[in-house]
Amino acid sequence: MQCQRPAGALAPGDSYPPITLTVNVAGTLPFQTTNTATVFGIGDANPNNNSASDSTTVVASPVTTAVPSPAPNVVGWNNTNVLVFLSATDGGSGVTQITFSASGAQTIAPTTVLGASASVSIAGEGVTVISYFATDNAGNVEAVKTLTVQLDKTAPAFSCGAPDGAWHASDVSIACTASDGGSGLDANSPASFTLTSNVPAGTETAVAVTSSRTLCDVAGNCSVAGPIGPNKVDKKPPQIVINAPAAATYKLNQAVASSYSCTDGGSGVATCAGPVASGSNFDTASPGIKTFTVNSTDNVGNPSAQSVSYTVTSSAFLILAVSDSGTISRDGGVVLNALANDTFNGAPATLAQVALAQLSSTNAGLTIDPGSGTVSVAPGTPAGIQTLVYQICEIASPNNCAQATASIDLSGGIK
């Protein structure tokens, strides 16, 4: 800076007004520094009066750094205990001690550690503010610094409803809520949600479980909600079996009892109904093609239906009795079964459809069993051709009959 005094000499004892210079020193000055300020003037006959200097020595304070381990995540939270390392440097007399304290979630009384390093352990969940500073051997004290530690070690909490024990026709959804008292739920973890079962169509189960959901907080702690079970889901309708009527032909006004049943392996049968109650005679009152339908529902409303078509005819069923022949010795025994070749309505005749009776025999030793249709010869029956006449009649229509003969050739045997 250069100053110009007014014209003429200063009177004895006078002086120029004082000049003040301000020197700005960086707060992170790493070592002791001396600043010298010099002011220059001109015009004085004595050169020594044309300048003035002043020096100031600035002493640097210690500098402390704080490093947390592990480092927090990108949003500033830790989910495990944190150890903060304090390290101080001093470019002058050297560091003599570090002082720290903590407030907030975890409190630590002011603590002084001799030397240039110290560590602080933070285990309390929540927000803790660590204050720290260093002092050098010359007595210079660093300005107080702070480090904030946010610690959340607890996973989110959740609460979900329980299975209600009732049967359901569709998948079960259970409502849940979640919360986190520390860092808070992250963006992908809602405060309310539902867990739903996934039972395939056409099946039923009493042990269905819901889906699950992972919940995380901002600090990275996670918990899993679900699966929840057992839940009862019935997506399968009742099963219907119709035993009578069958897909067959029945005679006009023939009395035949219906027979059907309904079963359900899930919620159970609620209704099972045909044109008549099972065990009651079905309709044969008029000729034609008829349909017998059974409808059923289960206890959650799944419906099912099963039908059988049958024919009612006014014509008599065709009965065909076919004559048989055989050979046997006079020692006797079973020769043949007379029903083996007989038919009823185009199918092999059975004793459930027809009644068999013996009409005549050329010898009392030749007989037919009405309970089986077997033709037998008693030992000692006279030799030669013996003939038996039998008849089969429809049980439901006793006048619908057919006759046939069984001719047996007896030879040899008993002398």
Protein backbone atom coordinates (compact mmCIF):
# COMPACT_ATOMS: atom_id res chain seq x y z
CA MET A 1 0.00 0.00 0.00
CA GLN A 2 1.34 3.45 -0.82
CA CYS A 3 0.30 6.67 1.01
CA GLN A 4 0.76 10.30 -0.06
CA ARG A 5 0.99 12.83 2.78
CA PRO A 6 -0.47 16.35 2.37
CA ALA A 7 1.77 19.13 1.09
CA GLY A 8 4.21 20.49 3.59
CA ALA A 9 5.96 18.90 6.46
CA LEU A 10 4.24 17.43 9.45
CA ALA A 11 4.36 19.61 12.50
CA PRO A 12 6.50 18.27 15.29
CA GLY A 13 4.61 15.61 17.25
CA ASP A 14 2.03 15.04 14.48
CA SER A 15 1.44 11.69 12.78
CA TYR A 16 -0.60 10.23 10.02
CA PRO A 17 -3.89 8.48 10.88
CA PRO A 18 -3.41 4.80 11.83
CA ILE A 19 -3.68 2.14 9.12
CA THR A 20 -5.27 -1.25 9.98
CA LEU A 21 -4.53 -4.38 7.89
CA THR A 22 -6.52 -7.62 8.32
CA VAL A 23 -4.84 -10.91 7.46
CA ASN A 24 -7.18 -13.86 6.68
CA VAL A 25 -5.75 -17.21 7.73
CA ALA A 26 -7.31 -20.49 6.51
CA GLY A 27 -8.82 -22.59 9.27
CA THR A 28 -6.95 -25.67 8.05
CA LEU A 29 -3.51 -24.05 8.22
CA PRO A 30 -1.26 -27.09 8.72
CA PHE A 31 1.70 -25.39 10.37
CA GLN A 32 2.86 -22.22 12.17
CA THR A 33 3.01 -19.21 9.78
CA THR A 34 4.31 -15.62 10.21
CA ASN A 35 2.63 -12.86 8.16
CA THR A 36 4.43 -9.49 7.74
CA ALA A 37 2.57 -6.37 6.58
CA THR A 38 4.60 -3.37 5.26
CA VAL A 39 3.25 0.14 4.48
CA PHE A 40 5.24 2.43 2.16
CA GLY A 41 5.12 6.26 1.98
CA ILE A 42 6.96 8.86 -0.17
CA GLY A 43 8.21 12.42 0.13
CA ASP A 44 9.84 12.42 3.54
CA ALA A 45 13.38 13.77 3.53
CA ASN A 46 14.30 10.97 5.90
CA PRO A 47 13.94 7.71 3.96
CA ASN A 48 13.40 5.79 7.18
CA ASN A 49 10.15 7.62 7.61
CA ASN A 50 8.72 6.41 4.31
CA SER A 51 7.89 2.79 5.40
CA ALA A 52 6.64 0.83 8.39
CA SER A 53 6.30 -2.95 8.99
CA ASP A 54 4.51 -5.22 11.47
CA SER A 55 4.62 -9.04 11.77
CA THR A 56 2.06 -11.48 13.16
CA THR A 57 2.69 -15.16 13.86
CA VAL A 58 -0.27 -17.51 13.31
CA VAL A 59 -0.08 -20.84 15.16
CA ALA A 60 -2.01 -23.77 13.46
CA SER A 61 -4.47 -25.84 15.51
CA PRO A 62 -4.57 -29.68 15.26
CA VAL A 63 -6.78 -31.26 12.58
CA THR A 64 -8.82 -34.39 13.41
CA THR A 65 -10.53 -36.73 10.94
CA ALA A 66 -13.28 -39.20 11.84
CA VAL A 67 -13.73 -42.41 9.83
CA PRO A 68 -16.66 -44.77 10.63
CA SER A 69 -16.28 -48.50 10.06
CA PRO A 70 -18.20 -49.93 8.40
CA ALA A 71 -19.11 -46.96 6.26
CA PRO A 72 -22.83 -46.11 6.12
CA ASN A 73 -24.92 -46.98 3.08
CA VAL A 74 -25.78 -44.44 0.40
CA VAL A 75 -28.57 -42.95 2.52
CA GLY A 76 -26.39 -42.65 5.62
CA TRP A 77 -27.50 -45.67 7.70
CA ASN A 78 -25.65 -48.61 9.23
CA ASN A 79 -27.22 -51.89 10.33
CA THR A 80 -24.31 -53.20 12.45
CA ASN A 81 -22.34 -51.65 15.29
CA VAL A 82 -20.05 -48.82 14.17
CA LEU A 83 -16.48 -48.15 15.29
CA VAL A 84 -15.40 -44.55 14.60
CA PHE A 85 -11.66 -43.99 14.30
CA LEU A 86 -10.40 -40.50 15.29
CA SER A 87 -6.98 -39.47 13.99
CA ALA A 88 -5.39 -36.01 14.57
CA THR A 89 -2.39 -34.29 12.97
CA ASP A 90 -0.51 -31.13 13.94
CA GLY A 91 2.21 -29.40 11.92
CA GLY A 92 3.67 -27.63 14.91
CA SER A 93 4.16 -28.84 18.44
CA GLY A 94 2.35 -32.14 17.85
CA VAL A 95 -0.92 -33.59 19.16
CA THR A 96 -1.15 -34.22 22.85
CA GLN A 97 -4.75 -35.49 23.19
CA ILE A 98 -8.16 -36.06 21.58
CA THR A 99 -11.40 -35.34 23.39
CA PHE A 100 -14.78 -36.76 22.33
CA SER A 101 -18.32 -37.15 23.59
CA ALA A 102 -21.65 -38.42 22.20
CA SER A 103 -25.30 -37.46 22.49
CA GLY A 104 -28.57 -38.80 21.12
CA ALA A 105 -29.33 -42.50 20.91
CA GLN A 106 -26.08 -43.31 22.71
CA THR A 107 -24.56 -40.90 25.19
CA ILE A 108 -20.87 -40.75 26.05
CA ALA A 109 -19.53 -38.34 28.63
CA PRO A 110 -16.62 -36.13 27.53
CA THR A 111 -13.61 -38.44 27.30
CA THR A 112 -9.99 -37.45 26.73
CA VAL A 113 -7.50 -39.87 25.23
CA LEU A 114 -3.80 -39.04 25.21
CA GLY A 115 -2.12 -39.25 21.85
CA ALA A 116 -3.12 -38.59 18.28
CA SER A 117 -5.70 -41.35 17.83
CA ALA A 118 -8.80 -42.70 19.52
CA SER A 119 -11.83 -44.83 18.69
CA VAL A 120 -15.50 -44.57 19.60
CA SER A 121 -17.84 -47.60 19.56
CA ILE A 122 -21.50 -46.97 18.74
CA ALA A 123 -23.97 -49.79 19.46
CA GLY A 124 -27.12 -47.89 20.39
CA GLU A 125 -29.82 -47.88 17.74
CA GLY A 126 -30.97 -44.50 16.53
CA VAL A 127 -29.14 -41.25 15.72
CA THR A 128 -25.98 -40.50 17.71
CA VAL A 129 -23.90 -37.32 17.28
CA ILE A 130 -20.21 -37.65 18.13
CA SER A 131 -18.39 -34.40 19.03
CA TYR A 132 -14.60 -34.36 18.97
CA PHE A 133 -11.52 -32.12 18.91
CA ALA A 134 -7.78 -32.34 19.43
CA THR A 135 -5.28 -30.29 21.48
CA ASP A 136 -1.60 -29.86 20.61
CA ASN A 137 1.38 -29.58 22.92
CA ALA A 138 1.36 -25.78 22.60
CA GLY A 139 -2.14 -25.65 24.00
CA ASN A 140 -3.86 -24.91 20.68
CA VAL A 141 -7.37 -26.39 20.65
CA GLU A 142 -9.13 -27.49 17.49
CA ALA A 143 -12.64 -26.22 16.87
CA VAL A 144 -15.23 -28.86 17.81
CA LYS A 145 -16.31 -31.13 14.95
CA THR A 146 -19.21 -33.56 14.78
CA LEU A 147 -20.01 -36.86 13.07
CA THR A 148 -23.54 -38.26 12.94
CA VAL A 149 -23.99 -42.05 13.14
CA GLN A 150 -27.41 -43.51 12.21
CA LEU A 151 -27.72 -47.09 13.41
CA ASP A 152 -30.66 -49.48 12.85
CA LYS A 153 -30.06 -53.17 13.60
CA THR A 154 -33.70 -54.27 13.77
CA ALA A 155 -35.59 -55.69 10.78
CA PRO A 156 -39.08 -54.37 9.98
CA ALA A 157 -41.94 -55.75 12.05
CA PHE A 158 -45.10 -57.09 10.42
CA SER A 159 -48.48 -58.38 11.44
CA CYS A 160 -50.74 -60.59 9.32
CA GLY A 161 -54.17 -62.09 9.80
CA ALA A 162 -54.57 -65.79 10.57
CA PRO A 163 -56.37 -68.47 8.53
CA ASP A 164 -60.08 -68.36 9.32
CA GLY A 165 -60.60 -72.14 9.14
CA ALA A 166 -63.46 -71.80 6.65
CA TRP A 167 -63.64 -73.21 3.13
CA HIS A 168 -63.31 -70.76 0.23
CA ALA A 169 -64.29 -71.09 -3.42
CA SER A 170 -61.36 -68.91 -4.54
CA ASP A 171 -57.84 -68.15 -3.38
CA VAL A 172 -57.48 -66.70 0.11
CA SER A 173 -55.97 -63.22 0.61
CA ILE A 174 -54.69 -62.29 4.08
CA ALA A 175 -54.09 -58.63 4.97
CA CYS A 176 -50.78 -57.59 6.56
CA THR A 177 -49.21 -54.41 7.88
CA ALA A 178 -45.54 -53.53 8.29
CA SER A 179 -43.60 -50.90 10.21
CA ASP A 180 -40.04 -49.98 11.11
CA GLY A 181 -39.21 -47.77 14.08
CA GLY A 182 -35.62 -47.14 13.03
CA SER A 183 -34.60 -46.09 9.55
CA GLY A 184 -38.10 -46.66 8.16
CA LEU A 185 -39.40 -48.96 5.44
CA ASP A 186 -37.66 -48.73 2.08
CA ALA A 187 -39.48 -47.80 -1.12
CA ASN A 188 -40.21 -51.44 -2.05
CA SER A 189 -41.72 -52.36 1.32
CA PRO A 190 -45.27 -50.99 1.73
CA ALA A 191 -46.87 -50.41 5.10
CA SER A 192 -49.87 -52.55 4.07
CA PHE A 193 -50.09 -55.49 1.69
CA THR A 194 -51.83 -58.82 1.16
CA LEU A 195 -50.54 -62.39 0.85
CA THR A 196 -52.57 -64.66 -1.46
CA SER A 197 -52.73 -68.42 -2.02
CA ASN A 198 -52.42 -69.91 -5.51
CA VAL A 199 -54.44 -73.10 -5.71
CA PRO A 200 -54.79 -74.56 -9.25
CA ALA A 201 -58.24 -74.61 -10.82
CA GLY A 202 -60.11 -77.88 -10.44
CA THR A 203 -58.40 -78.84 -7.18
CA GLU A 204 -59.27 -78.74 -3.51
CA THR A 205 -57.01 -78.63 -0.45
CA ALA A 206 -57.25 -77.97 3.26
CA VAL A 207 -53.56 -77.03 3.55
CA ALA A 208 -53.11 -74.17 1.08
CA VAL A 209 -50.51 -71.55 2.00
CA THR A 210 -50.17 -67.96 0.87
CA SER A 211 -47.31 -66.30 -0.90
CA SER A 212 -44.58 -64.54 1.08
CA ARG A 213 -43.08 -61.03 0.91
CA THR A 214 -39.66 -59.68 1.83
CA LEU A 215 -39.70 -56.41 3.79
CA CYS A 216 -36.58 -54.25 4.16
CA ASP A 217 -35.82 -50.99 5.92
CA VAL A 218 -33.64 -48.13 4.73
CA ALA A 219 -30.67 -49.49 6.69
CA GLY A 220 -30.87 -52.82 4.82
CA ASN A 221 -32.39 -55.03 7.53
CA CYS A 222 -34.93 -57.45 6.04
CA SER A 223 -37.65 -59.80 7.28
CA VAL A 224 -39.99 -62.19 5.44
CA ALA A 225 -43.75 -62.21 5.93
CA GLY A 226 -45.50 -65.49 5.08
CA PRO A 227 -46.28 -67.99 3.86
CA ILE A 228 -49.41 -68.29 6.00
CA GLY A 229 -51.48 -71.44 6.26
CA PRO A 230 -53.20 -73.79 6.38
CA ASN A 231 -56.06 -72.31 4.35
CA LYS A 232 -59.00 -74.25 2.92
CA VAL A 233 -59.61 -73.65 -0.79
CA ASP A 234 -62.12 -75.67 -2.83
CA LYS A 235 -62.09 -75.07 -6.59
CA LYS A 236 -63.35 -78.53 -7.50
CA PRO A 237 -67.07 -79.35 -7.96
CA PRO A 238 -68.65 -82.48 -6.48
CA GLN A 239 -68.21 -85.81 -8.28
CA ILE A 240 -71.41 -87.58 -9.39
CA VAL A 241 -71.76 -91.30 -10.11
CA ILE A 242 -74.99 -92.65 -11.68
CA ASN A 243 -75.33 -96.42 -11.43
CA ALA A 244 -78.98 -96.63 -12.52
CA PRO A 245 -80.40 -95.92 -14.95
CA ALA A 246 -77.62 -97.11 -17.20
CA ALA A 247 -77.26 -96.22 -20.86
CA ALA A 248 -79.53 -99.11 -21.78
CA THR A 249 -83.06 -100.02 -22.90
CA TYR A 250 -85.89 -100.57 -20.42
CA LYS A 251 -89.42 -101.81 -20.98
CA LEU A 252 -92.48 -99.66 -20.67
CA ASN A 253 -93.54 -99.38 -17.00
CA GLN A 254 -90.59 -101.50 -15.91
CA ALA A 255 -89.91 -100.93 -12.22
CA VAL A 256 -86.19 -100.16 -11.81
CA ALA A 257 -84.74 -98.31 -8.82
CA SER A 258 -82.43 -95.40 -9.47
CA SER A 259 -79.00 -95.36 -7.87
CA TYR A 260 -76.66 -92.39 -7.76
CA SER A 261 -74.30 -90.64 -5.35
CA CYS A 262 -72.38 -87.36 -4.94
CA THR A 263 -69.04 -86.91 -3.20
CA ASP A 264 -66.82 -83.91 -2.51
CA GLY A 265 -63.33 -84.04 -1.01
CA GLY A 266 -63.23 -80.36 -0.07
CA SER A 267 -65.99 -78.32 1.53
CA GLY A 268 -68.45 -81.24 1.31
CA VAL A 269 -71.68 -81.90 -0.58
CA ALA A 270 -74.42 -79.36 -0.03
CA THR A 271 -76.99 -80.68 -2.53
CA CYS A 272 -77.29 -83.88 -4.58
CA ALA A 273 -80.58 -84.28 -6.45
CA GLY A 274 -81.86 -86.18 -9.46
CA PRO A 275 -85.38 -86.39 -10.95
CA VAL A 276 -86.18 -88.81 -8.11
CA ALA A 277 -84.41 -89.62 -4.89
CA SER A 278 -81.73 -92.27 -5.16
CA GLY A 279 -83.41 -95.63 -4.52
CA SER A 280 -86.73 -94.57 -6.04
CA ASN A 281 -87.86 -95.90 -9.43
CA PHE A 282 -86.94 -93.77 -12.40
CA ASP A 283 -89.34 -92.87 -15.19
CA THR A 284 -90.41 -95.68 -17.56
CA ALA A 285 -94.01 -94.49 -17.91
CA SER A 286 -93.76 -93.61 -21.60
CA PRO A 287 -91.66 -94.92 -24.49
CA GLY A 288 -88.79 -92.89 -25.95
CA ILE A 289 -85.30 -91.67 -25.20
CA LYS A 290 -85.07 -90.14 -21.75
CA THR A 291 -82.38 -88.26 -19.83
CA PHE A 292 -81.69 -88.74 -16.15
CA THR A 293 -79.71 -85.76 -14.74
CA VAL A 294 -78.24 -85.37 -11.29
CA ASN A 295 -77.19 -81.88 -10.08
CA SER A 296 -74.92 -81.22 -7.13
CA THR A 297 -73.28 -78.30 -5.36
CA ASP A 298 -70.69 -78.21 -2.61
CA ASN A 299 -70.71 -75.98 0.44
CA VAL A 300 -68.85 -73.13 -1.29
CA GLY A 301 -71.15 -73.16 -4.31
CA ASN A 302 -69.18 -75.12 -6.91
CA PRO A 303 -71.81 -76.76 -9.18
CA SER A 304 -71.69 -80.00 -11.17
CA ALA A 305 -74.10 -82.08 -13.24
CA GLN A 306 -74.06 -85.60 -14.67
CA SER A 307 -76.54 -87.11 -17.14
CA VAL A 308 -77.38 -90.55 -18.52
CA SER A 309 -79.61 -91.19 -21.52
CA TYR A 310 -81.71 -94.36 -21.62
CA THR A 311 -84.45 -95.77 -23.80
CA VAL A 312 -87.92 -96.95 -22.82
CA THR A 313 -89.56 -99.31 -25.33
CA SER A 314 -93.08 -100.70 -25.49
CA SER A 315 -91.87 -103.86 -27.26
CA ALA A 316 -90.93 -107.02 -25.38
CA PHE A 317 -87.26 -107.79 -25.14
CA LEU A 318 -86.17 -110.53 -27.49
CA ILE A 319 -85.39 -113.74 -25.60
CA LEU A 320 -83.58 -116.47 -27.51
CA ALA A 321 -83.13 -119.94 -25.97
CA VAL A 322 -80.73 -122.06 -28.06
CA SER A 323 -80.91 -125.87 -27.93
CA ASP A 324 -77.77 -127.71 -26.86
CA SER A 325 -76.37 -131.21 -27.17
CA GLY A 326 -73.67 -133.18 -25.42
CA THR A 327 -72.22 -136.60 -24.68
CA ILE A 328 -71.46 -138.23 -21.34
CA SER A 329 -70.94 -141.73 -19.98
CA ARG A 330 -73.54 -143.42 -17.84
CA ASP A 331 -71.27 -142.66 -14.87
CA GLY A 332 -73.00 -139.30 -14.89
CA GLY A 333 -71.93 -135.73 -14.06
CA VAL A 334 -72.34 -132.20 -15.39
CA VAL A 335 -72.68 -132.10 -19.14
CA LEU A 336 -73.11 -128.41 -20.10
CA ASN A 337 -74.64 -125.03 -19.15
CA ALA A 338 -77.84 -124.43 -21.03
CA LEU A 339 -77.62 -120.61 -20.60
CA ALA A 340 -74.24 -120.40 -22.31
CA ASN A 341 -75.80 -119.85 -25.74
CA ASP A 342 -79.02 -118.08 -24.70
CA THR A 343 -79.47 -114.31 -25.19
CA PHE A 344 -81.62 -111.56 -23.69
CA ASN A 345 -82.12 -108.38 -25.70
CA GLY A 346 -79.12 -109.31 -27.87
CA ALA A 347 -76.72 -109.95 -24.99
CA PRO A 348 -75.86 -113.12 -23.06
CA ALA A 349 -78.73 -114.00 -20.77
CA THR A 350 -78.13 -113.91 -17.02
CA LEU A 351 -80.19 -115.14 -14.12
CA ALA A 352 -80.54 -111.50 -13.05
CA GLN A 353 -82.69 -110.98 -16.16
CA VAL A 354 -84.38 -114.31 -16.73
CA ALA A 355 -85.85 -117.12 -14.64
CA LEU A 356 -85.04 -120.67 -15.72
CA ALA A 357 -87.33 -123.69 -15.30
CA GLN A 358 -87.23 -127.32 -16.41
CA LEU A 359 -90.39 -128.31 -18.35
CA SER A 360 -89.79 -131.99 -19.07
CA SER A 361 -87.19 -134.75 -19.31
CA THR A 362 -87.18 -138.16 -20.96
CA ASN A 363 -85.61 -139.56 -17.78
CA ALA A 364 -85.59 -138.42 -14.19
CA GLY A 365 -81.80 -138.76 -14.19
CA LEU A 366 -81.45 -135.85 -16.62
CA THR A 367 -82.04 -132.50 -14.88
CA ILE A 368 -81.19 -128.76 -15.13
CA ASP A 369 -80.29 -126.53 -12.14
CA PRO A 370 -82.52 -123.39 -12.22
CA GLY A 371 -79.98 -121.54 -10.06
CA SER A 372 -77.05 -121.96 -12.47
CA GLY A 373 -78.29 -123.43 -15.77
CA THR A 374 -76.08 -126.54 -15.57
CA VAL A 375 -77.40 -129.79 -17.06
CA SER A 376 -76.48 -132.95 -15.11
CA VAL A 377 -76.90 -136.70 -15.59
CA ALA A 378 -77.28 -138.99 -12.58
CA PRO A 379 -75.18 -142.17 -12.54
CA GLY A 380 -76.99 -145.18 -13.98
CA THR A 381 -79.26 -143.19 -16.28
CA PRO A 382 -80.28 -145.49 -19.16
CA ALA A 383 -78.11 -145.41 -22.26
CA GLY A 384 -79.22 -143.69 -25.41
CA ILE A 385 -80.39 -140.18 -26.30
CA GLN A 386 -82.08 -138.49 -23.37
CA THR A 387 -83.80 -135.10 -23.89
CA LEU A 388 -84.61 -132.27 -21.49
CA VAL A 389 -86.86 -129.29 -22.27
CA TYR A 390 -86.31 -125.99 -20.35
CA GLN A 391 -87.71 -122.47 -20.49
CA ILE A 392 -86.30 -118.98 -19.74
CA CYS A 393 -88.67 -116.09 -18.99
CA GLU A 394 -88.01 -112.38 -18.47
CA ILE A 395 -88.17 -111.65 -14.76
CA ALA A 396 -89.71 -108.22 -15.34
CA SER A 397 -92.23 -109.67 -17.81
CA PRO A 398 -92.89 -113.32 -16.92
CA ASN A 399 -94.95 -113.96 -20.05
CA ASN A 400 -91.98 -113.15 -22.30
CA CYS A 401 -90.44 -116.63 -22.58
CA ALA A 402 -88.44 -118.93 -24.85
CA GLN A 403 -87.92 -122.73 -24.78
CA ALA A 404 -85.05 -124.98 -25.85
CA THR A 405 -83.90 -128.60 -25.51
CA ALA A 406 -80.77 -130.21 -24.24
CA SER A 407 -80.09 -133.60 -25.93
CA ILE A 408 -77.60 -135.82 -24.14
CA ASP A 409 -76.08 -139.00 -25.62
CA LEU A 410 -75.32 -141.47 -22.84
CA SER A 411 -73.03 -144.37 -23.73
CA GLY A 412 -70.55 -146.67 -22.02
CA GLY A 413 -69.77 -146.38 -18.38
CA ILE A 414 -71.67 -148.53 -15.89
CA LYS A 415 -72.17 -152.22 -16.96
